């Protein structure tokens, strides 16, 4: 039997995300979230050379406005999708509680909308 050991429900929601290692200089790279939970998020992006447990800086764009929510987190895992793309799992380290609630409220409402269809 394959048990899901996740502590929190994942909400599948695509949001634009900018990210970089906290020790890297330069601009942020771009990706798209795959899912979000209370403890972290998964996003898809071009392959990256970061290592597990690297501290990451992220900016998650909220839909319908130009607001970005700043997040720091640890790179928990990464998985190659193909020769040029990968999935990345981030465990939240620091995120403003109001910002986190804003993201989760949006994700939950989108999830409910899909259930009702």
C-alpha atoms as a PDB file:
ATOM      1  CA  UNK A   1       0.000   0.000   0.000  1.00  0.00           C
ATOM      2  CA  UNK A   2       1.370   3.398  -0.988  1.00  0.00           C
ATOM      3  CA  UNK A   3       0.713   5.887   1.802  1.00  0.00           C
ATOM      4  CA  UNK A   4       0.912   9.617   1.281  1.00  0.00           C
ATOM      5  CA  UNK A   5       3.064  10.843   4.158  1.00  0.00           C
ATOM      6  CA  UNK A   6       2.440  14.523   3.531  1.00  0.00           C
ATOM      7  CA  UNK A   7       1.232  16.468   6.521  1.00  0.00           C
ATOM      8  CA  UNK A   8      -0.832  18.980   4.548  1.00  0.00           C
ATOM      9  CA  UNK A   9      -3.133  18.949   1.553  1.00  0.00           C
ATOM     10  CA  UNK A  10      -1.546  20.151  -1.720  1.00  0.00           C
ATOM     11  CA  UNK A  11      -3.471  22.624  -3.839  1.00  0.00           C
ATOM     12  CA  UNK A  12      -2.679  22.412  -7.551  1.00  0.00           C
ATOM     13  CA  UNK A  13      -2.407  26.020  -8.643  1.00  0.00           C
ATOM     14  CA  UNK A  14      -0.235  27.678 -11.295  1.00  0.00           C
ATOM     15  CA  UNK A  15       1.301  30.945 -10.127  1.00  0.00           C
ATOM     16  CA  UNK A  16       4.317  32.764 -11.539  1.00  0.00           C
ATOM     17  CA  UNK A  17       7.345  32.521  -9.309  1.00  0.00           C
ATOM     18  CA  UNK A  18      10.744  34.206  -9.392  1.00  0.00           C
ATOM     19  CA  UNK A  19      13.543  32.462  -7.522  1.00  0.00           C
ATOM     20  CA  UNK A  20      17.254  32.355  -6.789  1.00  0.00           C
ATOM     21  CA  UNK A  21      19.621  30.938  -4.244  1.00  0.00           C
ATOM     22  CA  UNK A  22      20.064  33.344  -1.355  1.00  0.00           C
ATOM     23  CA  UNK A  23      23.851  33.245  -1.873  1.00  0.00           C
ATOM     24  CA  UNK A  24      23.664  33.786  -5.640  1.00  0.00           C
ATOM     25  CA  UNK A  25      24.204  37.238  -7.061  1.00  0.00           C
ATOM     26  CA  UNK A  26      22.183  38.484  -9.989  1.00  0.00           C
ATOM     27  CA  UNK A  27      18.653  38.245 -11.233  1.00  0.00           C
ATOM     28  CA  UNK A  28      15.921  35.842 -10.307  1.00  0.00           C
ATOM     29  CA  UNK A  29      15.014  32.947 -12.622  1.00  0.00           C
ATOM     30  CA  UNK A  30      11.379  32.266 -13.505  1.00  0.00           C
ATOM     31  CA  UNK A  31       9.114  29.293 -12.975  1.00  0.00           C
ATOM     32  CA  UNK A  32       5.506  28.289 -12.340  1.00  0.00           C
ATOM     33  CA  UNK A  33       4.099  26.704  -9.213  1.00  0.00           C
ATOM     34  CA  UNK A  34       2.642  23.219  -9.561  1.00  0.00           C
ATOM     35  CA  UNK A  35       1.183  23.006  -6.077  1.00  0.00           C
ATOM     36  CA  UNK A  36       1.209  24.772  -2.729  1.00  0.00           C
ATOM     37  CA  UNK A  37       0.626  23.608   0.844  1.00  0.00           C
ATOM     38  CA  UNK A  38       0.913  25.075   4.336  1.00  0.00           C
ATOM     39  CA  UNK A  39       4.518  23.865   4.566  1.00  0.00           C
ATOM     40  CA  UNK A  40       5.914  24.531   1.093  1.00  0.00           C
ATOM     41  CA  UNK A  41       5.474  24.562  -2.638  1.00  0.00           C
ATOM     42  CA  UNK A  42       6.535  22.789  -5.808  1.00  0.00           C
ATOM     43  CA  UNK A  43       7.422  24.655  -8.986  1.00  0.00           C
ATOM     44  CA  UNK A  44       8.583  23.858 -12.504  1.00  0.00           C
ATOM     45  CA  UNK A  45      11.493  25.711 -14.067  1.00  0.00           C
ATOM     46  CA  UNK A  46      14.483  25.354 -16.334  1.00  0.00           C
ATOM     47  CA  UNK A  47      17.108  23.016 -14.930  1.00  0.00           C
ATOM     48  CA  UNK A  48      19.060  24.537 -12.083  1.00  0.00           C
ATOM     49  CA  UNK A  49      22.342  23.769 -10.406  1.00  0.00           C
ATOM     50  CA  UNK A  50      21.287  24.387  -6.824  1.00  0.00           C
ATOM     51  CA  UNK A  51      21.940  21.771  -4.171  1.00  0.00           C
ATOM     52  CA  UNK A  52      19.563  20.195  -1.673  1.00  0.00           C
ATOM     53  CA  UNK A  53      19.052  22.328   1.443  1.00  0.00           C
ATOM     54  CA  UNK A  54      20.182  25.505  -0.367  1.00  0.00           C
ATOM     55  CA  UNK A  55      18.364  28.522   1.050  1.00  0.00           C
ATOM     56  CA  UNK A  56      16.145  29.964  -1.696  1.00  0.00           C
ATOM     57  CA  UNK A  57      14.537  33.366  -2.131  1.00  0.00           C
ATOM     58  CA  UNK A  58      11.217  33.296  -3.965  1.00  0.00           C
ATOM     59  CA  UNK A  59       8.664  35.836  -5.080  1.00  0.00           C
ATOM     60  CA  UNK A  60       5.227  34.379  -5.789  1.00  0.00           C
ATOM     61  CA  UNK A  61       2.957  36.511  -7.990  1.00  0.00           C
ATOM     62  CA  UNK A  62      -0.629  36.698  -6.905  1.00  0.00           C
ATOM     63  CA  UNK A  63      -3.236  36.523  -9.667  1.00  0.00           C
ATOM     64  CA  UNK A  64      -5.285  39.534 -10.764  1.00  0.00           C
ATOM     65  CA  UNK A  65      -2.701  42.036  -9.489  1.00  0.00           C
ATOM     66  CA  UNK A  66       1.005  42.736  -9.591  1.00  0.00           C
ATOM     67  CA  UNK A  67       1.683  41.861  -5.955  1.00  0.00           C
ATOM     68  CA  UNK A  68       4.533  39.487  -5.205  1.00  0.00           C
ATOM     69  CA  UNK A  69       4.775  37.629  -1.930  1.00  0.00           C
ATOM     70  CA  UNK A  70       8.331  37.086  -0.692  1.00  0.00           C
ATOM     71  CA  UNK A  71       9.228  33.661   0.643  1.00  0.00           C
ATOM     72  CA  UNK A  72      12.421  32.040   1.840  1.00  0.00           C
ATOM     73  CA  UNK A  73      12.728  28.299   1.995  1.00  0.00           C
ATOM     74  CA  UNK A  74      15.000  25.314   1.739  1.00  0.00           C
ATOM     75  CA  UNK A  75      15.368  23.308  -1.457  1.00  0.00           C
ATOM     76  CA  UNK A  76      13.924  19.989  -0.238  1.00  0.00           C
ATOM     77  CA  UNK A  77      14.104  18.036  -3.503  1.00  0.00           C
ATOM     78  CA  UNK A  78      14.451  18.393  -7.268  1.00  0.00           C
ATOM     79  CA  UNK A  79      13.544  16.075 -10.109  1.00  0.00           C
ATOM     80  CA  UNK A  80      14.421  16.294 -13.788  1.00  0.00           C
ATOM     81  CA  UNK A  81      11.408  16.244 -16.099  1.00  0.00           C
ATOM     82  CA  UNK A  82      13.404  16.248 -19.331  1.00  0.00           C
ATOM     83  CA  UNK A  83      16.692  17.612 -20.697  1.00  0.00           C
ATOM     84  CA  UNK A  84      15.782  21.217 -19.978  1.00  0.00           C
ATOM     85  CA  UNK A  85      13.108  21.294 -17.232  1.00  0.00           C
ATOM     86  CA  UNK A  86      12.837  20.198 -13.611  1.00  0.00           C
ATOM     87  CA  UNK A  87      10.467  20.170 -10.651  1.00  0.00           C
ATOM     88  CA  UNK A  88      11.659  21.728  -7.401  1.00  0.00           C
ATOM     89  CA  UNK A  89      10.259  21.292  -3.895  1.00  0.00           C
ATOM     90  CA  UNK A  90      10.682  24.104  -1.377  1.00  0.00           C
ATOM     91  CA  UNK A  91      10.008  23.867   2.359  1.00  0.00           C
ATOM     92  CA  UNK A  92       9.004  27.255   3.746  1.00  0.00           C
ATOM     93  CA  UNK A  93      11.425  28.825   6.180  1.00  0.00           C
ATOM     94  CA  UNK A  94      10.089  32.389   6.328  1.00  0.00           C
ATOM     95  CA  UNK A  95       6.827  33.706   4.963  1.00  0.00           C
ATOM     96  CA  UNK A  96       4.616  36.440   6.331  1.00  0.00           C
ATOM     97  CA  UNK A  97       1.571  34.779   7.910  1.00  0.00           C
ATOM     98  CA  UNK A  98      -0.860  37.137   6.163  1.00  0.00           C
ATOM     99  CA  UNK A  99       0.842  36.486   2.826  1.00  0.00           C
ATOM    100  CA  UNK A 100       0.731  32.741   3.425  1.00  0.00           C
ATOM    101  CA  UNK A 101      -2.966  32.918   4.264  1.00  0.00           C
ATOM    102  CA  UNK A 102      -3.556  35.006   1.129  1.00  0.00           C
ATOM    103  CA  UNK A 103      -1.893  32.365  -1.080  1.00  0.00           C
ATOM    104  CA  UNK A 104      -3.671  29.470   0.641  1.00  0.00           C
ATOM    105  CA  UNK A 105      -7.060  31.211   0.512  1.00  0.00           C
ATOM    106  CA  UNK A 106      -6.639  31.748  -3.221  1.00  0.00           C
ATOM    107  CA  UNK A 107      -5.553  28.127  -3.734  1.00  0.00           C
ATOM    108  CA  UNK A 108      -8.407  26.775  -1.599  1.00  0.00           C
ATOM    109  CA  UNK A 109     -11.009  28.851  -3.449  1.00  0.00           C
ATOM    110  CA  UNK A 110      -9.687  27.619  -6.811  1.00  0.00           C
ATOM    111  CA  UNK A 111      -9.777  24.041  -5.501  1.00  0.00           C
ATOM    112  CA  UNK A 112     -13.411  24.458  -4.368  1.00  0.00           C
ATOM    113  CA  UNK A 113     -14.360  25.904  -7.744  1.00  0.00           C
ATOM    114  CA  UNK A 114     -12.898  22.839  -9.484  1.00  0.00           C
ATOM    115  CA  UNK A 115     -14.762  20.481  -7.137  1.00  0.00           C
ATOM    116  CA  UNK A 116     -18.076  22.101  -7.979  1.00  0.00           C
ATOM    117  CA  UNK A 117     -17.628  21.668 -11.730  1.00  0.00           C
END
